[in-house]
Structures are given as structure tokens and as C-alpha cells.
Amino acid sequence: MVKLELNYKFTYMIYSKKNNLLYIAVPKTGTTSVERALLKIDPEAENHSLTVGDRMFKGRDLEKGILSHARAKEIKKVVPEDFFNNLNILGTIRDPKSKLVSAYFFSKKGKLIKSKYIKISSFRLLINEVRFIAGMLMARLLPFQIWAFLYPYRSNYDYIFDDKGNRLVPFVARTEYLESDLKLIFSKLDIDISKFELGISNTSNHQHYLKYYENKLFNKLISKRMKKDNDLYKTVGVEINKLGDEFSIAVKKNNGFV
């Protein structure tokens, strides 16, 4: 039995044996809402562990020591290869510039204090806690355009691809179109969405994100830093449009129009 465990009060990664679905929770992409929606679709899904066979691995066995926001490549390293390769793996991403602004104001308010570790069980988790507090303090002390270059940005790309550039998460939804994207993906995977309901959680109040990139030099430098994420976001948009076209054709066929 393989069990990945962590010391969070709230968790985000979801594994549904019923739907053969693993959700990779990329930070600041609507993960809380997706977690709740997936648990409504499959109440028996695991939201704090991943059980396979008869072995047990804990969060400290992962590279970053945390399961809730584990990257796909971390999960791949600890579970059996055939199990991972046969999973339907889902991820969510967000426009990288919007994500960075959201992370800034989220850190500035320090909301995660309410849901951080119940206990710190390893030195690695202690380091993560120190980094979290440091990031929160920086957001409170520094303006966004300075903070943005100091913040250890967690890219969407790093959660979706491995170190060699191989894509590990074939199904990706965008935060900005979360409900419609997820419905198309679930339709593709033949997942029953009759109980699907998407709420909104962990929101932050600020101006439209593009207002924070009006400085042309700053915008150019940040865009260069986020090139892989920008390219991924565009690719996912093309993929979702293709799924939408396939869905429309299937509906027309079912109704006898094709």
C-alpha cells in the first residue's frame, strides 16, 4: 500500500480510484475549488493520500516534502510506473502574470496562516515554513514590482512537465475558464458531472492584474522570466478549443444533425 501523507489541515491533490483520476494542484490556480468539486463528484476520492498496492510513502519521501501541491514528476518518482502511466492526470494553470499578482496579495494578507502545518515533522518542512513566512513579510514590506523579482515563483510548467521537458499532465484547465474547461475535460474522460459544482475560494482583492504591468520594462522582464508558462497557457487554450469542437460535433451527431 503506497500512502503519501502530509501535515496540512487542508489538502488539494485528489486521487479518485473510481475515475482513475489524479489532480495535480498547481498553487494559485483555483485548487481549493477544484478539490471540493472533485470530492462532490467522487466522495470516496482520497484528498490526503495516494494509495497503491501495499507500500506506504509519506510526504517526506517526496522531493519537496509536501503532497498537497506535489508536482507530477514527484508523484511519478514514488509510485509504480505502470500505475502512473495509466492515470488520467488533471492539472490547472493560470495566466502567469495574473498568478503572480494573486500570489503577492495573497501573501500580503497572510491567509495561509490559518491553514498551515498542524505540526512540522521534518527539517525540510521547517525550511518551507521559514520561506513561507519570509515571503509573507516581503509582500508586506515591498512594492509589487520589486517583490516580483525576489519571490520564488512556482511556475505552472514545473508542475506539468518533468525535468527533461516531457509533459506528464495531459489534461489541463485554465483558472480563468475553470468551469467550462473542466466540463469539457470530464466529458472527454466520461466522468459523470451531474454533481459537479464549482465554488470560489481564497480570493484576493486588487485591481485587474494588467494594471501592475503598465511599466514596459518591468512587463518585458517578467514576460521573459515567464516564457515557458506563457507558452503553456497558449497551448492549453488551443487544446481546450479543440475539445470544444470535438464536443460540439459529438452533440450534433447524437442529435442527428451530422
C-alpha atoms as a PDB file:
ATOM      1  CA  MET A   1       0.000   0.000   0.000  1.00  0.00           C
ATOM      2  CA  VAL A   2       1.551   3.309  -1.104  1.00  0.00           C
ATOM      3  CA  LYS A   3       0.330   6.186   1.023  1.00  0.00           C
ATOM      4  CA  LEU A   4       1.611   9.695   0.650  1.00  0.00           C
ATOM      5  CA  GLU A   5       0.799  11.744   3.715  1.00  0.00           C
ATOM      6  CA  LEU A   6       1.347  15.325   4.797  1.00  0.00           C
ATOM      7  CA  ASN A   7       0.794  17.604   7.751  1.00  0.00           C
ATOM      8  CA  TYR A   8      -1.638  20.139   6.306  1.00  0.00           C
ATOM      9  CA  LYS A   9      -5.033  20.957   7.738  1.00  0.00           C
ATOM     10  CA  PHE A  10      -6.339  21.413   4.188  1.00  0.00           C
ATOM     11  CA  THR A  11      -5.197  19.453   1.160  1.00  0.00           C
ATOM     12  CA  TYR A  12      -5.573  19.920  -2.567  1.00  0.00           C
ATOM     13  CA  MET A  13      -4.235  16.944  -4.502  1.00  0.00           C
ATOM     14  CA  ILE A  14      -7.035  14.485  -5.267  1.00  0.00           C
ATOM     15  CA  TYR A  15      -6.902  10.844  -6.335  1.00  0.00           C
ATOM     16  CA  SER A  16     -10.131   9.209  -7.495  1.00  0.00           C
ATOM     17  CA  LYS A  17      -9.795   5.473  -7.962  1.00  0.00           C
ATOM     18  CA  LYS A  18     -13.341   5.374  -9.318  1.00  0.00           C
ATOM     19  CA  ASN A  19     -12.473   7.757 -12.162  1.00  0.00           C
ATOM     20  CA  ASN A  20      -8.804   6.777 -12.373  1.00  0.00           C
ATOM     21  CA  LEU A  21      -8.095  10.491 -11.937  1.00  0.00           C
ATOM     22  CA  LEU A  22      -5.167  12.251 -10.267  1.00  0.00           C
ATOM     23  CA  TYR A  23      -5.403  16.000  -9.765  1.00  0.00           C
ATOM     24  CA  ILE A  24      -2.105  17.896  -9.617  1.00  0.00           C
ATOM     25  CA  ALA A  25      -2.775  21.083  -7.652  1.00  0.00           C
ATOM     26  CA  VAL A  26      -0.686  23.945  -9.055  1.00  0.00           C
ATOM     27  CA  PRO A  27      -0.623  26.763  -6.456  1.00  0.00           C
ATOM     28  CA  LYS A  28      -2.874  29.793  -7.008  1.00  0.00           C
ATOM     29  CA  THR A  29      -4.943  28.198  -9.781  1.00  0.00           C
ATOM     30  CA  GLY A  30      -8.257  27.573  -8.005  1.00  0.00           C
ATOM     31  CA  THR A  31      -7.086  24.398  -6.271  1.00  0.00           C
ATOM     32  CA  THR A  32      -9.426  24.657  -3.272  1.00  0.00           C
ATOM     33  CA  SER A  33     -12.453  24.983  -5.544  1.00  0.00           C
ATOM     34  CA  VAL A  34     -11.328  22.080  -7.743  1.00  0.00           C
ATOM     35  CA  GLU A  35     -10.667  19.878  -4.715  1.00  0.00           C
ATOM     36  CA  ARG A  36     -14.169  20.461  -3.366  1.00  0.00           C
ATOM     37  CA  ALA A  37     -15.745  19.886  -6.780  1.00  0.00           C
ATOM     38  CA  LEU A  38     -13.870  16.600  -7.283  1.00  0.00           C
ATOM     39  CA  LEU A  39     -14.916  15.370  -3.848  1.00  0.00           C
ATOM     40  CA  LYS A  40     -18.549  16.053  -4.752  1.00  0.00           C
ATOM     41  CA  ILE A  41     -18.151  14.021  -7.937  1.00  0.00           C
ATOM     42  CA  ASP A  42     -16.465  11.198  -6.001  1.00  0.00           C
ATOM     43  CA  PRO A  43     -16.889  11.449  -2.198  1.00  0.00           C
ATOM     44  CA  GLU A  44     -14.654   8.387  -1.806  1.00  0.00           C
ATOM     45  CA  ALA A  45     -11.692  10.068  -3.510  1.00  0.00           C
ATOM     46  CA  GLU A  46      -8.526  10.484  -1.444  1.00  0.00           C
ATOM     47  CA  ASN A  47      -7.659  14.072  -0.664  1.00  0.00           C
ATOM     48  CA  HIS A  48      -4.771  13.487   1.718  1.00  0.00           C
ATOM     49  CA  SER A  49      -3.139  10.364   0.351  1.00  0.00           C
ATOM     50  CA  LEU A  50      -2.469   8.265  -2.732  1.00  0.00           C
ATOM     51  CA  THR A  51      -2.879   4.548  -2.110  1.00  0.00           C
ATOM     52  CA  VAL A  52      -1.425   1.972  -4.466  1.00  0.00           C
ATOM     53  CA  GLY A  53      -0.758  -1.691  -3.658  1.00  0.00           C
ATOM     54  CA  ASP A  54       0.722  -2.464  -0.245  1.00  0.00           C
ATOM     55  CA  ARG A  55       3.518   0.102   0.254  1.00  0.00           C
ATOM     56  CA  MET A  56       3.492   3.385   2.122  1.00  0.00           C
ATOM     57  CA  PHE A  57       5.382   6.584   1.329  1.00  0.00           C
ATOM     58  CA  LYS A  58       4.922   9.746   3.373  1.00  0.00           C
ATOM     59  CA  GLY A  59       5.207  13.350   2.279  1.00  0.00           C
ATOM     60  CA  ARG A  60       8.816  13.457   3.412  1.00  0.00           C
ATOM     61  CA  ASP A  61       9.632  10.895   0.713  1.00  0.00           C
ATOM     62  CA  LEU A  62       8.734  13.446  -1.950  1.00  0.00           C
ATOM     63  CA  GLU A  63      11.353  15.856  -3.232  1.00  0.00           C
ATOM     64  CA  LYS A  64       9.646  18.905  -1.715  1.00  0.00           C
ATOM     65  CA  GLY A  65       8.247  17.027   1.269  1.00  0.00           C
ATOM     66  CA  ILE A  66       4.648  18.151   0.664  1.00  0.00           C
ATOM     67  CA  LEU A  67       1.817  16.243  -1.007  1.00  0.00           C
ATOM     68  CA  SER A  68      -0.849  18.944  -1.266  1.00  0.00           C
ATOM     69  CA  HIS A  69       0.962  20.821  -4.048  1.00  0.00           C
ATOM     70  CA  ALA A  70       3.165  17.964  -5.252  1.00  0.00           C
ATOM     71  CA  ARG A  71       4.404  18.236  -8.813  1.00  0.00           C
ATOM     72  CA  ALA A  72       3.592  15.471 -11.291  1.00  0.00           C
ATOM     73  CA  LYS A  73       7.260  14.487 -11.558  1.00  0.00           C
ATOM     74  CA  GLU A  74       7.458  13.973  -7.780  1.00  0.00           C
ATOM     75  CA  ILE A  75       4.472  11.619  -7.815  1.00  0.00           C
ATOM     76  CA  LYS A  76       5.921   9.739 -10.796  1.00  0.00           C
ATOM     77  CA  LYS A  77       9.144   9.050  -8.900  1.00  0.00           C
ATOM     78  CA  VAL A  78       7.455   7.258  -5.980  1.00  0.00           C
ATOM     79  CA  VAL A  79       4.537   5.320  -7.484  1.00  0.00           C
ATOM     80  CA  PRO A  80       4.808   2.282  -9.778  1.00  0.00           C
ATOM     81  CA  GLU A  81       5.480   3.254 -13.394  1.00  0.00           C
ATOM     82  CA  ASP A  82       2.532   1.325 -14.846  1.00  0.00           C
ATOM     83  CA  PHE A  83       0.171   2.903 -12.315  1.00  0.00           C
ATOM     84  CA  PHE A  84       1.291   6.438 -13.165  1.00  0.00           C
ATOM     85  CA  ASN A  85       1.252   5.854 -16.932  1.00  0.00           C
ATOM     86  CA  ASN A  86      -2.354   4.602 -16.834  1.00  0.00           C
ATOM     87  CA  LEU A  87      -3.736   7.508 -14.802  1.00  0.00           C
ATOM     88  CA  ASN A  88      -5.902  10.295 -16.164  1.00  0.00           C
ATOM     89  CA  ILE A  89      -3.882  13.218 -14.807  1.00  0.00           C
ATOM     90  CA  LEU A  90      -5.502  16.615 -14.484  1.00  0.00           C
ATOM     91  CA  GLY A  91      -3.909  19.955 -13.679  1.00  0.00           C
ATOM     92  CA  THR A  92      -4.982  23.586 -13.517  1.00  0.00           C
ATOM     93  CA  ILE A  93      -2.973  26.599 -14.632  1.00  0.00           C
ATOM     94  CA  ARG A  94      -3.448  30.341 -14.580  1.00  0.00           C
ATOM     95  CA  ASP A  95      -2.240  33.222 -16.708  1.00  0.00           C
ATOM     96  CA  PRO A  96       1.235  33.607 -15.155  1.00  0.00           C
ATOM     97  CA  LYS A  97       1.026  37.364 -14.748  1.00  0.00           C
ATOM     98  CA  SER A  98      -2.343  37.089 -13.033  1.00  0.00           C
ATOM     99  CA  LYS A  99      -0.989  34.298 -10.869  1.00  0.00           C
ATOM    100  CA  LEU A 100       1.971  36.416  -9.730  1.00  0.00           C
ATOM    101  CA  VAL A 101      -0.275  39.339  -8.759  1.00  0.00           C
ATOM    102  CA  SER A 102      -2.599  36.985  -6.903  1.00  0.00           C
ATOM    103  CA  ALA A 103       0.326  35.418  -5.035  1.00  0.00           C
ATOM    104  CA  TYR A 104       1.545  38.871  -3.997  1.00  0.00           C
ATOM    105  CA  PHE A 105      -1.756  39.966  -2.466  1.00  0.00           C
ATOM    106  CA  PHE A 106      -2.395  36.531  -1.011  1.00  0.00           C
ATOM    107  CA  SER A 107       0.999  36.637   0.729  1.00  0.00           C
ATOM    108  CA  LYS A 108       0.425  40.231   1.764  1.00  0.00           C
ATOM    109  CA  LYS A 109      -2.687  39.208   3.680  1.00  0.00           C
ATOM    110  CA  GLY A 110      -1.096  36.064   5.104  1.00  0.00           C
ATOM    111  CA  LYS A 111      -4.270  33.986   4.743  1.00  0.00           C
ATOM    112  CA  LEU A 112      -2.421  30.682   4.752  1.00  0.00           C
ATOM    113  CA  ILE A 113      -1.578  31.170   8.416  1.00  0.00           C
ATOM    114  CA  LYS A 114      -4.984  29.699   9.139  1.00  0.00           C
ATOM    115  CA  SER A 115      -4.263  26.521   7.216  1.00  0.00           C
ATOM    116  CA  LYS A 116      -0.543  25.902   7.588  1.00  0.00           C
ATOM    117  CA  TYR A 117       1.069  22.865   9.126  1.00  0.00           C
ATOM    118  CA  ILE A 118      -0.543  21.229  12.108  1.00  0.00           C
ATOM    119  CA  LYS A 119       2.947  20.084  13.001  1.00  0.00           C
ATOM    120  CA  ILE A 120       6.378  20.299  11.432  1.00  0.00           C
ATOM    121  CA  SER A 121       7.657  16.749  11.101  1.00  0.00           C
ATOM    122  CA  SER A 122      10.951  17.309   9.282  1.00  0.00           C
ATOM    123  CA  PHE A 123      13.715  19.828   8.751  1.00  0.00           C
ATOM    124  CA  ARG A 124      12.579  20.183   5.126  1.00  0.00           C
ATOM    125  CA  LEU A 125       9.111  21.262   6.253  1.00  0.00           C
ATOM    126  CA  LEU A 126      10.690  23.676   8.716  1.00  0.00           C
ATOM    127  CA  ILE A 127      12.591  25.276   5.819  1.00  0.00           C
ATOM    128  CA  ASN A 128       9.342  25.515   3.851  1.00  0.00           C
ATOM    129  CA  GLU A 129       7.700  27.230   6.822  1.00  0.00           C
ATOM    130  CA  VAL A 130      10.550  29.741   7.117  1.00  0.00           C
ATOM    131  CA  ARG A 131      10.347  30.503   3.394  1.00  0.00           C
ATOM    132  CA  PHE A 132       6.605  30.983   3.662  1.00  0.00           C
ATOM    133  CA  ILE A 133       6.960  33.489   6.490  1.00  0.00           C
ATOM    134  CA  ALA A 134       9.793  35.296   4.667  1.00  0.00           C
ATOM    135  CA  GLY A 135       7.664  35.586   1.530  1.00  0.00           C
ATOM    136  CA  MET A 136       4.775  36.947   3.543  1.00  0.00           C
ATOM    137  CA  LEU A 137       6.985  39.573   5.174  1.00  0.00           C
ATOM    138  CA  MET A 138       8.472  40.611   1.820  1.00  0.00           C
ATOM    139  CA  ALA A 139       4.991  41.114   0.370  1.00  0.00           C
ATOM    140  CA  ARG A 140       4.059  43.352   3.293  1.00  0.00           C
ATOM    141  CA  LEU A 141       7.222  45.425   3.067  1.00  0.00           C
ATOM    142  CA  LEU A 142       7.936  45.678  -0.674  1.00  0.00           C
ATOM    143  CA  PRO A 143       6.014  47.075  -3.660  1.00  0.00           C
ATOM    144  CA  PHE A 144       4.913  44.509  -6.233  1.00  0.00           C
ATOM    145  CA  GLN A 145       7.491  45.371  -8.903  1.00  0.00           C
ATOM    146  CA  ILE A 146      10.374  44.716  -6.513  1.00  0.00           C
ATOM    147  CA  TRP A 147       8.768  41.730  -4.779  1.00  0.00           C
ATOM    148  CA  ALA A 148       8.140  40.058  -8.153  1.00  0.00           C
ATOM    149  CA  PHE A 149      11.866  39.598  -8.769  1.00  0.00           C
ATOM    150  CA  LEU A 150      12.587  38.287  -5.261  1.00  0.00           C
ATOM    151  CA  TYR A 151       9.627  35.934  -4.937  1.00  0.00           C
ATOM    152  CA  PRO A 152      10.463  32.256  -5.666  1.00  0.00           C
ATOM    153  CA  TYR A 153       7.789  31.962  -8.350  1.00  0.00           C
ATOM    154  CA  ARG A 154       6.346  28.448  -8.650  1.00  0.00           C
ATOM    155  CA  SER A 155       5.805  28.062 -12.375  1.00  0.00           C
ATOM    156  CA  ASN A 156       2.879  26.202 -13.917  1.00  0.00           C
ATOM    157  CA  TYR A 157       5.362  24.490 -16.227  1.00  0.00           C
ATOM    158  CA  ASP A 158       7.280  22.890 -13.363  1.00  0.00           C
ATOM    159  CA  TYR A 159       4.137  21.101 -12.148  1.00  0.00           C
ATOM    160  CA  ILE A 160       3.091  19.845 -15.573  1.00  0.00           C
ATOM    161  CA  PHE A 161       6.415  18.736 -17.112  1.00  0.00           C
ATOM    162  CA  ASP A 162       9.381  16.692 -15.931  1.00  0.00           C
ATOM    163  CA  ASP A 163      12.981  17.906 -15.853  1.00  0.00           C
ATOM    164  CA  LYS A 164      13.564  16.738 -19.429  1.00  0.00           C
ATOM    165  CA  GLY A 165      10.638  18.717 -20.846  1.00  0.00           C
ATOM    166  CA  ASN A 166       8.279  15.749 -21.152  1.00  0.00           C
ATOM    167  CA  ARG A 167       4.680  16.635 -20.430  1.00  0.00           C
ATOM    168  CA  LEU A 168       3.247  14.472 -17.645  1.00  0.00           C
ATOM    169  CA  VAL A 169      -0.196  16.072 -17.256  1.00  0.00           C
ATOM    170  CA  PRO A 170      -2.247  15.610 -20.441  1.00  0.00           C
ATOM    171  CA  PHE A 171      -5.432  17.313 -19.220  1.00  0.00           C
ATOM    172  CA  VAL A 172      -5.141  20.940 -18.129  1.00  0.00           C
ATOM    173  CA  ALA A 173      -7.830  23.513 -17.313  1.00  0.00           C
ATOM    174  CA  ARG A 174      -7.378  27.267 -17.056  1.00  0.00           C
ATOM    175  CA  THR A 175      -8.380  29.137 -13.903  1.00  0.00           C
ATOM    176  CA  GLU A 176      -9.974  31.924 -15.932  1.00  0.00           C
ATOM    177  CA  TYR A 177     -12.323  29.429 -17.627  1.00  0.00           C
ATOM    178  CA  LEU A 178     -12.298  26.789 -14.919  1.00  0.00           C
ATOM    179  CA  GLU A 179     -15.872  25.528 -15.016  1.00  0.00           C
ATOM    180  CA  SER A 180     -16.199  25.302 -18.803  1.00  0.00           C
ATOM    181  CA  ASP A 181     -12.713  23.802 -19.225  1.00  0.00           C
ATOM    182  CA  LEU A 182     -13.308  21.156 -16.558  1.00  0.00           C
ATOM    183  CA  LYS A 183     -16.669  20.179 -18.035  1.00  0.00           C
ATOM    184  CA  LEU A 184     -15.066  19.615 -21.433  1.00  0.00           C
ATOM    185  CA  ILE A 185     -12.243  17.567 -19.896  1.00  0.00           C
ATOM    186  CA  PHE A 186     -14.632  15.475 -17.782  1.00  0.00           C
ATOM    187  CA  SER A 187     -16.784  14.877 -20.850  1.00  0.00           C
ATOM    188  CA  LYS A 188     -13.703  13.648 -22.703  1.00  0.00           C
ATOM    189  CA  LEU A 189     -12.904  11.287 -19.804  1.00  0.00           C
ATOM    190  CA  ASP A 190     -16.543  10.100 -19.472  1.00  0.00           C
ATOM    191  CA  ILE A 191     -16.716  11.355 -15.887  1.00  0.00           C
ATOM    192  CA  ASP A 192     -20.225  11.923 -14.533  1.00  0.00           C
ATOM    193  CA  ILE A 193     -20.625  15.639 -13.787  1.00  0.00           C
ATOM    194  CA  SER A 194     -24.207  15.541 -12.536  1.00  0.00           C
ATOM    195  CA  LYS A 195     -22.895  16.505  -9.076  1.00  0.00           C
ATOM    196  CA  PHE A 196     -20.281  18.908 -10.395  1.00  0.00           C
ATOM    197  CA  GLU A 197     -20.379  22.289  -8.669  1.00  0.00           C
ATOM    198  CA  LEU A 198     -17.583  24.807  -8.657  1.00  0.00           C
ATOM    199  CA  GLY A 199     -17.301  27.382  -5.893  1.00  0.00           C
ATOM    200  CA  ILE A 200     -14.793  30.200  -5.415  1.00  0.00           C
ATOM    201  CA  SER A 201     -12.223  30.140  -2.608  1.00  0.00           C
ATOM    202  CA  ASN A 202      -9.176  32.059  -1.399  1.00  0.00           C
ATOM    203  CA  THR A 203      -9.854  35.173  -3.460  1.00  0.00           C
ATOM    204  CA  SER A 204      -7.797  38.340  -3.103  1.00  0.00           C
ATOM    205  CA  ASN A 205      -8.960  41.911  -3.740  1.00  0.00           C
ATOM    206  CA  HIS A 206      -6.889  44.024  -6.104  1.00  0.00           C
ATOM    207  CA  GLN A 207      -7.074  45.857  -9.412  1.00  0.00           C
ATOM    208  CA  HIS A 208      -7.084  43.965 -12.705  1.00  0.00           C
ATOM    209  CA  TYR A 209      -3.724  42.242 -12.919  1.00  0.00           C
ATOM    210  CA  LEU A 210      -2.663  44.039 -16.115  1.00  0.00           C
ATOM    211  CA  LYS A 211      -2.601  47.338 -14.184  1.00  0.00           C
ATOM    212  CA  TYR A 212       0.509  46.062 -12.397  1.00  0.00           C
ATOM    213  CA  TYR A 213       2.399  45.579 -15.668  1.00  0.00           C
ATOM    214  CA  GLU A 214       1.953  49.017 -17.211  1.00  0.00           C
ATOM    215  CA  ASN A 215       5.666  49.730 -16.875  1.00  0.00           C
ATOM    216  CA  LYS A 216       7.006  48.493 -20.227  1.00  0.00           C
ATOM    217  CA  LEU A 217      10.451  47.485 -18.969  1.00  0.00           C
ATOM    218  CA  PHE A 218       9.029  45.601 -15.998  1.00  0.00           C
ATOM    219  CA  ASN A 219       6.491  43.876 -18.242  1.00  0.00           C
ATOM    220  CA  LYS A 220       9.237  42.859 -20.690  1.00  0.00           C
ATOM    221  CA  LEU A 221      11.474  41.418 -17.969  1.00  0.00           C
ATOM    222  CA  ILE A 222       8.651  39.496 -16.299  1.00  0.00           C
ATOM    223  CA  SER A 223       7.401  38.152 -19.650  1.00  0.00           C
ATOM    224  CA  LYS A 224      10.892  36.838 -20.395  1.00  0.00           C
ATOM    225  CA  ARG A 225      11.058  35.164 -16.992  1.00  0.00           C
ATOM    226  CA  MET A 226       7.683  33.500 -17.553  1.00  0.00           C
ATOM    227  CA  LYS A 227       8.128  32.455 -21.181  1.00  0.00           C
ATOM    228  CA  LYS A 228       7.527  28.740 -20.574  1.00  0.00           C
ATOM    229  CA  ASP A 229       4.373  29.474 -18.611  1.00  0.00           C
ATOM    230  CA  ASN A 230       3.107  31.883 -21.267  1.00  0.00           C
ATOM    231  CA  ASP A 231       3.705  29.297 -23.994  1.00  0.00           C
ATOM    232  CA  LEU A 232       1.989  26.589 -21.946  1.00  0.00           C
ATOM    233  CA  TYR A 233      -1.039  28.802 -21.347  1.00  0.00           C
ATOM    234  CA  LYS A 234      -1.402  29.411 -25.091  1.00  0.00           C
ATOM    235  CA  THR A 235      -1.018  25.689 -25.842  1.00  0.00           C
ATOM    236  CA  VAL A 236      -3.714  24.755 -23.330  1.00  0.00           C
ATOM    237  CA  GLY A 237      -6.036  27.319 -24.905  1.00  0.00           C
ATOM    238  CA  VAL A 238      -5.618  25.595 -28.286  1.00  0.00           C
ATOM    239  CA  GLU A 239      -6.221  22.182 -26.685  1.00  0.00           C
ATOM    240  CA  ILE A 240      -9.404  23.328 -24.951  1.00  0.00           C
ATOM    241  CA  ASN A 241     -10.731  24.845 -28.170  1.00  0.00           C
ATOM    242  CA  LYS A 242     -10.118  21.507 -29.889  1.00  0.00           C
ATOM    243  CA  LEU A 243     -12.003  19.687 -27.123  1.00  0.00           C
ATOM    244  CA  GLY A 244     -14.854  22.157 -27.546  1.00  0.00           C
ATOM    245  CA  ASP A 245     -15.016  21.458 -31.272  1.00  0.00           C
ATOM    246  CA  GLU A 246     -14.999  17.693 -30.641  1.00  0.00           C
ATOM    247  CA  PHE A 247     -17.771  18.063 -28.072  1.00  0.00           C
ATOM    248  CA  SER A 248     -19.912  20.140 -30.464  1.00  0.00           C
ATOM    249  CA  ILE A 249     -19.525  17.551 -33.219  1.00  0.00           C
ATOM    250  CA  ALA A 250     -20.427  14.723 -30.823  1.00  0.00           C
ATOM    251  CA  VAL A 251     -23.552  16.585 -29.672  1.00  0.00           C
ATOM    252  CA  LYS A 252     -24.625  17.179 -33.280  1.00  0.00           C
ATOM    253  CA  LYS A 253     -24.117  13.503 -34.104  1.00  0.00           C
ATOM    254  CA  ASN A 254     -26.156  12.418 -31.098  1.00  0.00           C
ATOM    255  CA  ASN A 255     -28.950  14.754 -32.185  1.00  0.00           C
ATOM    256  CA  GLY A 256     -28.850  13.511 -35.755  1.00  0.00           C
ATOM    257  CA  PHE A 257     -27.509  16.728 -37.268  1.00  0.00           C
ATOM    258  CA  VAL A 258     -24.335  15.144 -38.681  1.00  0.00           C
END
